C-alpha atoms as a PDB file:
ATOM      1  CA  MET A   1     -22.584   4.634   0.821  1.00  0.00           C
ATOM      2  CA  SER A   2     -22.843   3.361   4.502  1.00  0.00           C
ATOM      3  CA  GLY A   3     -26.402   2.971   5.175  1.00  0.00           C
ATOM      4  CA  ASP A   4     -25.654  -0.236   7.276  1.00  0.00           C
ATOM      5  CA  ARG A   5     -26.136  -1.086  11.448  1.00  0.00           C
ATOM      6  CA  PHE A   6     -25.370  -4.052  13.204  1.00  0.00           C
ATOM      7  CA  ARG A   7     -26.219  -5.122  16.678  1.00  0.00           C
ATOM      8  CA  LEU A   8     -22.855  -5.937  18.804  1.00  0.00           C
ATOM      9  CA  GLU A   9     -22.964  -7.382  21.911  1.00  0.00           C
ATOM     10  CA  VAL A  10     -20.240  -7.214  24.334  1.00  0.00           C
ATOM     11  CA  LYS A  11     -18.824  -7.791  27.913  1.00  0.00           C
ATOM     12  CA  GLU A  12     -17.371  -5.399  29.990  1.00  0.00           C
ATOM     13  CA  ARG A  13     -14.069  -6.428  30.410  1.00  0.00           C
ATOM     14  CA  GLN A  14     -12.886  -6.391  34.231  1.00  0.00           C
ATOM     15  CA  ARG A  15      -9.344  -7.525  34.457  1.00  0.00           C
ATOM     16  CA  LEU A  16      -6.745  -5.568  32.367  1.00  0.00           C
ATOM     17  CA  GLY A  17      -3.509  -6.715  31.643  1.00  0.00           C
ATOM     18  CA  SER A  18      -1.242  -8.368  29.227  1.00  0.00           C
ATOM     19  CA  PRO A  19      -1.538 -11.755  30.273  1.00  0.00           C
ATOM     20  CA  GLU A  20      -5.462 -11.328  30.211  1.00  0.00           C
ATOM     21  CA  THR A  21      -5.483 -10.210  26.817  1.00  0.00           C
ATOM     22  CA  ARG A  22      -3.217 -13.111  25.959  1.00  0.00           C
ATOM     23  CA  ARG A  23      -5.879 -15.348  27.742  1.00  0.00           C
ATOM     24  CA  LEU A  24      -9.037 -13.991  25.830  1.00  0.00           C
ATOM     25  CA  ARG A  25      -7.665 -14.082  22.769  1.00  0.00           C
ATOM     26  CA  LYS A  26      -6.659 -17.746  23.436  1.00  0.00           C
ATOM     27  CA  GLN A  27     -11.017 -18.506  23.916  1.00  0.00           C
ATOM     28  CA  GLY A  28     -11.519 -16.400  20.702  1.00  0.00           C
ATOM     29  CA  LEU A  29     -12.144 -13.157  22.509  1.00  0.00           C
ATOM     30  CA  VAL A  30     -11.077  -9.538  21.265  1.00  0.00           C
ATOM     31  CA  PRO A  31     -10.057  -6.965  23.654  1.00  0.00           C
ATOM     32  CA  GLY A  32     -11.317  -3.259  22.714  1.00  0.00           C
ATOM     33  CA  VAL A  33     -12.516   0.065  23.850  1.00  0.00           C
ATOM     34  CA  LEU A  34     -15.322   1.628  23.873  1.00  0.00           C
ATOM     35  CA  TYR A  35     -15.136   5.527  23.331  1.00  0.00           C
ATOM     36  CA  GLY A  36     -17.857   7.609  24.463  1.00  0.00           C
ATOM     37  CA  ASN A  37     -18.906  11.158  25.754  1.00  0.00           C
ATOM     38  CA  GLY A  38     -17.606   9.592  29.373  1.00  0.00           C
ATOM     39  CA  ASP A  39     -14.954   7.792  30.099  1.00  0.00           C
ATOM     40  CA  PRO A  40     -13.316   4.808  28.130  1.00  0.00           C
ATOM     41  CA  THR A  41     -15.277   1.091  28.770  1.00  0.00           C
ATOM     42  CA  ALA A  42     -12.901  -1.686  28.237  1.00  0.00           C
ATOM     43  CA  ILE A  43     -14.606  -4.351  26.899  1.00  0.00           C
ATOM     44  CA  LEU A  44     -13.809  -7.953  25.015  1.00  0.00           C
ATOM     45  CA  ILE A  45     -15.980  -9.211  21.826  1.00  0.00           C
ATOM     46  CA  GLU A  46     -16.129 -12.692  20.478  1.00  0.00           C
ATOM     47  CA  GLU A  47     -14.206 -13.208  17.429  1.00  0.00           C
ATOM     48  CA  ARG A  48     -16.560 -14.156  15.069  1.00  0.00           C
ATOM     49  CA  LYS A  49     -19.281 -11.657  16.085  1.00  0.00           C
ATOM     50  CA  LEU A  50     -16.878  -9.037  15.314  1.00  0.00           C
ATOM     51  CA  ARG A  51     -15.673 -10.723  12.263  1.00  0.00           C
ATOM     52  CA  ALA A  52     -19.619 -10.265  11.091  1.00  0.00           C
ATOM     53  CA  ALA A  53     -19.877  -6.857  12.119  1.00  0.00           C
ATOM     54  CA  LEU A  54     -16.805  -5.509   9.804  1.00  0.00           C
ATOM     55  CA  THR A  55     -17.839  -7.700   6.664  1.00  0.00           C
ATOM     56  CA  THR A  56     -21.100  -6.164   6.311  1.00  0.00           C
ATOM     57  CA  ASP A  57     -21.645  -4.126   2.494  1.00  0.00           C
ATOM     58  CA  SER A  58     -19.999  -1.269   4.753  1.00  0.00           C
ATOM     59  CA  GLY A  59     -17.031  -2.946   5.776  1.00  0.00           C
ATOM     60  CA  LEU A  60     -14.759  -0.754   7.956  1.00  0.00           C
ATOM     61  CA  HIS A  61     -17.112   1.987   7.968  1.00  0.00           C
ATOM     62  CA  ALA A  62     -20.951   0.192   9.101  1.00  0.00           C
ATOM     63  CA  VAL A  63     -22.150   1.721  12.100  1.00  0.00           C
ATOM     64  CA  LEU A  64     -22.424  -0.704  14.685  1.00  0.00           C
ATOM     65  CA  ASP A  65     -25.022  -0.590  17.316  1.00  0.00           C
ATOM     66  CA  VAL A  66     -22.963  -1.508  21.112  1.00  0.00           C
ATOM     67  CA  VAL A  67     -25.014  -3.089  23.546  1.00  0.00           C
ATOM     68  CA  VAL A  68     -23.153  -3.707  26.822  1.00  0.00           C
ATOM     69  CA  GLU A  69     -24.345  -7.047  28.553  1.00  0.00           C
ATOM     70  CA  GLY A  70     -25.991  -5.956  31.669  1.00  0.00           C
ATOM     71  CA  LYS A  71     -27.049  -2.656  30.161  1.00  0.00           C
ATOM     72  CA  SER A  72     -30.117  -1.182  28.111  1.00  0.00           C
ATOM     73  CA  ALA A  73     -28.231   1.798  26.491  1.00  0.00           C
ATOM     74  CA  THR A  74     -27.464   1.024  22.731  1.00  0.00           C
ATOM     75  CA  HIS A  75     -24.257   2.868  21.407  1.00  0.00           C
ATOM     76  CA  PRO A  76     -24.021   3.781  18.496  1.00  0.00           C
ATOM     77  CA  SER A  77     -20.483   3.043  17.006  1.00  0.00           C
ATOM     78  CA  ILE A  78     -17.626   3.317  14.302  1.00  0.00           C
ATOM     79  CA  LEU A  79     -14.924   1.633  13.872  1.00  0.00           C
ATOM     80  CA  LYS A  80     -11.970   4.094  15.163  1.00  0.00           C
ATOM     81  CA  ASP A  81      -9.061   2.085  15.253  1.00  0.00           C
ATOM     82  CA  TYR A  82      -7.645  -2.045  14.901  1.00  0.00           C
ATOM     83  CA  GLN A  83      -4.795  -3.753  15.565  1.00  0.00           C
ATOM     84  CA  ARG A  84      -4.100  -8.025  13.559  1.00  0.00           C
ATOM     85  CA  ASP A  85      -1.958 -10.754  14.830  1.00  0.00           C
ATOM     86  CA  PRO A  86       1.193 -10.454  12.619  1.00  0.00           C
ATOM     87  CA  ILE A  87       0.717 -14.418  12.406  1.00  0.00           C
ATOM     88  CA  ARG A  88      -2.638 -15.534  12.458  1.00  0.00           C
ATOM     89  CA  GLY A  89      -4.624 -11.974  10.586  1.00  0.00           C
ATOM     90  CA  LEU A  90      -7.398 -11.874  13.001  1.00  0.00           C
ATOM     91  CA  VAL A  91      -8.631  -8.932  14.691  1.00  0.00           C
ATOM     92  CA  SER A  92      -6.425  -8.791  18.029  1.00  0.00           C
ATOM     93  CA  HIS A  93      -8.036  -5.421  19.379  1.00  0.00           C
ATOM     94  CA  VAL A  94     -10.437  -2.431  18.386  1.00  0.00           C
ATOM     95  CA  ASP A  95     -11.036   0.921  19.308  1.00  0.00           C
ATOM     96  CA  LEU A  96     -14.692   1.654  18.865  1.00  0.00           C
ATOM     97  CA  GLN A  97     -16.420   5.397  18.650  1.00  0.00           C
ATOM     98  CA  GLU A  98     -19.447   6.361  19.595  1.00  0.00           C
ATOM     99  CA  VAL A  99     -21.471   8.836  17.441  1.00  0.00           C
ATOM    100  CA  ARG A 100     -23.962  10.830  16.904  1.00  0.00           C
ATOM    101  CA  LEU A 101     -25.801  10.072  13.991  1.00  0.00           C
ATOM    102  CA  ASP A 102     -26.997  13.336  13.327  1.00  0.00           C
ATOM    103  CA  ARG A 103     -23.151  14.570  13.334  1.00  0.00           C
ATOM    104  CA  PRO A 104     -20.559  14.592  10.549  1.00  0.00           C
ATOM    105  CA  ILE A 105     -17.771  12.610  10.985  1.00  0.00           C
ATOM    106  CA  GLN A 106     -14.248  11.989   9.006  1.00  0.00           C
ATOM    107  CA  ALA A 107     -12.853   9.211   8.133  1.00  0.00           C
ATOM    108  CA  ALA A 108     -10.242   7.422   5.650  1.00  0.00           C
ATOM    109  CA  VAL A 109     -11.580   5.799   2.521  1.00  0.00           C
ATOM    110  CA  GLN A 110     -10.003   3.586   0.189  1.00  0.00           C
ATOM    111  CA  VAL A 111     -10.011   4.660  -3.545  1.00  0.00           C
ATOM    112  CA  HIS A 112     -10.396   1.802  -6.218  1.00  0.00           C
ATOM    113  CA  LEU A 113      -9.402   2.536  -9.699  1.00  0.00           C
ATOM    114  CA  VAL A 114     -12.159   0.880 -12.521  1.00  0.00           C
ATOM    115  CA  GLY A 115     -11.215   0.322 -16.254  1.00  0.00           C
ATOM    116  CA  ALA A 116      -7.771   0.936 -16.006  1.00  0.00           C
ATOM    117  CA  GLU A 117      -7.307  -1.950 -18.379  1.00  0.00           C
ATOM    118  CA  ASP A 118      -9.130  -0.436 -21.044  1.00  0.00           C
ATOM    119  CA  ALA A 119      -7.100   3.018 -21.044  1.00  0.00           C
ATOM    120  CA  PRO A 120      -5.527   4.331 -24.444  1.00  0.00           C
ATOM    121  CA  GLY A 121      -2.344   5.347 -22.071  1.00  0.00           C
ATOM    122  CA  VAL A 122      -1.995   1.561 -20.704  1.00  0.00           C
ATOM    123  CA  ARG A 123      -3.152  -0.392 -23.843  1.00  0.00           C
ATOM    124  CA  GLU A 124       0.040   1.907 -25.938  1.00  0.00           C
ATOM    125  CA  GLY A 125       1.683   0.516 -23.281  1.00  0.00           C
ATOM    126  CA  GLY A 126       2.225   2.732 -20.373  1.00  0.00           C
ATOM    127  CA  VAL A 127       2.001   1.923 -16.740  1.00  0.00           C
ATOM    128  CA  ILE A 128      -0.580   2.787 -14.329  1.00  0.00           C
ATOM    129  CA  SER A 129       0.193   4.197 -10.596  1.00  0.00           C
ATOM    130  CA  GLN A 130      -1.581   5.125  -7.807  1.00  0.00           C
ATOM    131  CA  PRO A 131      -0.287   7.708  -5.905  1.00  0.00           C
ATOM    132  CA  ALA A 132      -2.903   8.272  -3.101  1.00  0.00           C
ATOM    133  CA  THR A 133      -4.595   4.950  -2.092  1.00  0.00           C
ATOM    134  CA  THR A 134      -7.286   6.748  -0.073  1.00  0.00           C
ATOM    135  CA  VAL A 135      -8.813  10.277   0.839  1.00  0.00           C
ATOM    136  CA  ASN A 136     -10.066  11.525   3.193  1.00  0.00           C
ATOM    137  CA  VAL A 137     -13.745  12.533   3.768  1.00  0.00           C
ATOM    138  CA  GLU A 138     -16.797  14.407   6.224  1.00  0.00           C
ATOM    139  CA  ALA A 139     -20.686  12.950   5.770  1.00  0.00           C
ATOM    140  CA  LEU A 140     -22.853  11.824   8.363  1.00  0.00           C
ATOM    141  CA  PRO A 141     -22.409   8.249   9.414  1.00  0.00           C
ATOM    142  CA  MET A 142     -24.227   6.687   7.580  1.00  0.00           C
ATOM    143  CA  GLU A 143     -23.554   8.501   4.660  1.00  0.00           C
ATOM    144  CA  ILE A 144     -19.323   7.527   4.998  1.00  0.00           C
ATOM    145  CA  PRO A 145     -18.691   5.594   1.978  1.00  0.00           C
ATOM    146  CA  GLU A 146     -17.156   1.888   2.425  1.00  0.00           C
ATOM    147  CA  SER A 147     -15.134   2.765  -0.950  1.00  0.00           C
ATOM    148  CA  ILE A 148     -14.594   4.776  -3.772  1.00  0.00           C
ATOM    149  CA  GLU A 149     -14.540   4.094  -7.436  1.00  0.00           C
ATOM    150  CA  VAL A 150     -12.794   5.959  -9.769  1.00  0.00           C
ATOM    151  CA  ASP A 151     -13.212   5.821 -13.326  1.00  0.00           C
ATOM    152  CA  VAL A 152      -9.667   5.809 -15.508  1.00  0.00           C
ATOM    153  CA  THR A 153     -11.237   4.493 -18.613  1.00  0.00           C
ATOM    154  CA  SER A 154     -10.226   7.586 -20.799  1.00  0.00           C
ATOM    155  CA  LEU A 155      -6.585   7.927 -18.992  1.00  0.00           C
ATOM    156  CA  GLU A 156      -3.915   9.047 -21.794  1.00  0.00           C
ATOM    157  CA  MET A 157      -0.195   8.664 -22.016  1.00  0.00           C
ATOM    158  CA  ASN A 158       1.302  10.957 -19.595  1.00  0.00           C
ATOM    159  CA  GLU A 159      -1.704  12.064 -18.350  1.00  0.00           C
ATOM    160  CA  SER A 160      -2.885  12.210 -14.745  1.00  0.00           C
ATOM    161  CA  LEU A 161      -6.452  12.355 -12.879  1.00  0.00           C
ATOM    162  CA  ARG A 162      -6.485  14.085  -9.683  1.00  0.00           C
ATOM    163  CA  LEU A 163      -9.078  14.630  -7.137  1.00  0.00           C
ATOM    164  CA  SER A 164     -10.382  17.908  -8.864  1.00  0.00           C
ATOM    165  CA  ASP A 165     -11.640  14.848 -11.749  1.00  0.00           C
ATOM    166  CA  VAL A 166     -13.440  13.093  -9.259  1.00  0.00           C
ATOM    167  CA  PRO A 167     -17.051  13.126  -9.355  1.00  0.00           C
ATOM    168  CA  THR A 168     -18.728  14.437  -6.284  1.00  0.00           C
ATOM    169  CA  LEU A 169     -20.660  12.191  -3.969  1.00  0.00           C
ATOM    170  CA  GLU A 170     -23.920  13.486  -2.034  1.00  0.00           C
ATOM    171  CA  GLY A 171     -23.181  14.080   1.147  1.00  0.00           C
ATOM    172  CA  VAL A 172     -19.451  13.727   0.724  1.00  0.00           C
ATOM    173  CA  THR A 173     -17.130  16.474   1.372  1.00  0.00           C
ATOM    174  CA  PHE A 174     -13.364  15.681   0.100  1.00  0.00           C
ATOM    175  CA  LEU A 175     -11.197  17.459   2.399  1.00  0.00           C
ATOM    176  CA  ASP A 176      -7.810  16.578   0.631  1.00  0.00           C
ATOM    177  CA  ASP A 177      -6.342  19.269  -1.514  1.00  0.00           C
ATOM    178  CA  PRO A 178      -8.146  18.782  -4.878  1.00  0.00           C
ATOM    179  CA  GLN A 179      -5.106  19.587  -7.006  1.00  0.00           C
ATOM    180  CA  ASP A 180      -2.427  18.156  -5.441  1.00  0.00           C
ATOM    181  CA  THR A 181      -4.427  14.612  -4.753  1.00  0.00           C
ATOM    182  CA  VAL A 182      -3.213  12.753  -7.779  1.00  0.00           C
ATOM    183  CA  ILE A 183      -5.330   9.413  -7.831  1.00  0.00           C
ATOM    184  CA  ALA A 184      -3.838   7.890 -11.141  1.00  0.00           C
ATOM    185  CA  THR A 185      -1.033   8.740 -13.362  1.00  0.00           C
ATOM    186  CA  ILE A 186      -0.001   6.897 -16.290  1.00  0.00           C
ATOM    187  CA  ALA A 187       3.784   7.250 -17.729  1.00  0.00           C
ATOM    188  CA  PRO A 188       5.669   5.093 -20.742  1.00  0.00           C
ATOM    189  CA  PRO A 189       7.167   2.095 -19.847  1.00  0.00           C
ATOM    190  CA  ARG A 190      11.294   3.020 -18.515  1.00  0.00           C
ATOM    191  CA  VAL A 191      13.448   1.836 -21.197  1.00  0.00           C
ATOM    192  CA  GLU A 192      16.935   1.132 -19.759  1.00  0.00           C
ATOM    193  CA  VAL A 193      19.780   2.212 -21.856  1.00  0.00           C
ATOM    194  CA  GLU A 194      22.942  -0.157 -21.800  1.00  0.00           C
ATOM    195  CA  PRO A 195      26.206   2.726 -22.234  1.00  0.00           C
ATOM    196  CA  GLU A 196      27.815   2.056 -25.073  1.00  0.00           C
ATOM    197  CA  PRO A 197      31.157  -0.756 -24.507  1.00  0.00           C
ATOM    198  CA  GLU A 198      33.884   1.511 -26.160  1.00  0.00           C
ATOM    199  CA  GLU A 199      36.157   0.801 -22.588  1.00  0.00           C
ATOM    200  CA  GLU A 200      35.936  -2.683 -23.424  1.00  0.00           C
ATOM    201  CA  LEU A 201      36.157  -2.530 -26.836  1.00  0.00           C
ATOM    202  CA  GLU A 202      39.761  -0.454 -26.183  1.00  0.00           C
ATOM    203  CA  ALA A 203      40.671  -3.401 -23.749  1.00  0.00           C
ATOM    204  CA  VAL A 204      39.851  -5.895 -26.148  1.00  0.00           C
ATOM    205  CA  GLU A 205      42.148  -3.952 -28.688  1.00  0.00           C
ATOM    206  CA  GLY A 206      44.837  -3.715 -26.857  1.00  0.00           C
ATOM    207  CA  GLU A 207      44.795  -7.380 -25.580  1.00  0.00           C
ATOM    208  CA  GLU A 208      45.139  -8.332 -29.261  1.00  0.00           C
ATOM    209  CA  GLY A 209      47.715  -5.992 -30.003  1.00  0.00           C
ATOM    210  CA  GLU A 210      50.020  -7.252 -27.082  1.00  0.00           C
ATOM    211  CA  GLU A 211      49.049 -11.065 -28.820  1.00  0.00           C
ATOM    212  CA  GLY A 212      50.202  -9.934 -32.429  1.00  0.00           C
ATOM    213  CA  GLU A 213      53.408  -7.984 -32.338  1.00  0.00           C
ATOM    214  CA  ALA A 214      55.980  -8.857 -29.676  1.00  0.00           C
ATOM    215  CA  PRO A 215      57.716  -5.915 -27.421  1.00  0.00           C
ATOM    216  CA  GLU A 216      60.276  -3.646 -28.878  1.00  0.00           C
ATOM    217  CA  GLY A 217      63.220  -4.669 -26.726  1.00  0.00           C
ATOM    218  CA  ALA A 218      62.065  -8.899 -26.800  1.00  0.00           C
ATOM    219  CA  ALA A 219      62.084  -8.391 -30.846  1.00  0.00           C
ATOM    220  CA  GLU A 220      65.955  -7.367 -31.448  1.00  0.00           C
ATOM    221  CA  GLU A 221      66.709  -9.140 -28.776  1.00  0.00           C
ATOM    222  CA  ALA A 222      65.877 -12.249 -30.032  1.00  0.00           C
ATOM    223  CA  GLY A 223      66.999 -11.187 -33.736  1.00  0.00           C
ATOM    224  CA  GLY A 224      70.533 -10.881 -31.935  1.00  0.00           C
ATOM    225  CA  GLU A 225      70.196 -14.622 -30.783  1.00  0.00           C
ATOM    226  CA  ALA A 226      69.384 -15.827 -34.071  1.00  0.00           C
ATOM    227  CA  ALA A 227      72.075 -14.121 -35.388  1.00  0.00           C
ATOM    228  CA  GLY A 228      74.445 -15.633 -33.433  1.00  0.00           C
ATOM    229  CA  GLU A 229      73.253 -19.418 -33.722  1.00  0.00           C
ATOM    230  CA  SER A 230      73.692 -19.315 -37.734  1.00  0.00           C
ATOM    231  CA  GLY A 231      77.310 -17.849 -37.664  1.00  0.00           C
ATOM    232  CA  THR A 232      80.640 -19.360 -37.743  1.00  0.00           C
ATOM    233  CA  THR A 233      83.462 -19.055 -35.126  1.00  0.00           C
ATOM    234  CA  GLU A 234      86.654 -18.666 -36.970  1.00  0.00           C
ATOM    235  CA  GLU A 235      89.939 -20.308 -34.535  1.00  0.00           C
END
């Protein structure tokens, strides 16, 4: 379960616009927005502090106690959304959502398969796939799991494991359809069958016939020429 709370100090952003956000990023600051009960607040956060907040045991589902510089109020919040720099991989923008700790929230949680290499279907040569890599859950902010581990060690060939087969977690409600949500499946490996080279054989046989036998007209013409050369002419 989440269970982690991290104090995150932020500053209110006075100047907006793309040139300003680029300048902030060069200084190691991450622009963002804090959404709450009132109007959204434009904020900026030190990149190292944000990274520390999102790398706790709760990962991206940690509850952040956001404190705006110069103000005493604490805003329990969660990470609503974020963007990464496509080249450097660093977080380039965040949206934080203030929450009440006594009210459930919804979140998408990663699903990790455990024991795939020991599954009978895999040991027989089958290929395991994971159609659903995340599931949507509802729980109190402090009860949102960082991830959900699903044991697939008993999965046989041509079997599927659905959300209905996943043990329930205390305080957590799965929101996806339990039957339609396929977590894992094992299928036989695909065997590509090469087509019979019938056409190729026919072509080869045709070429051999043309090389071994002279065309009918050519044979007769050759015979006539040979007879003419061997005969004598009477004067």
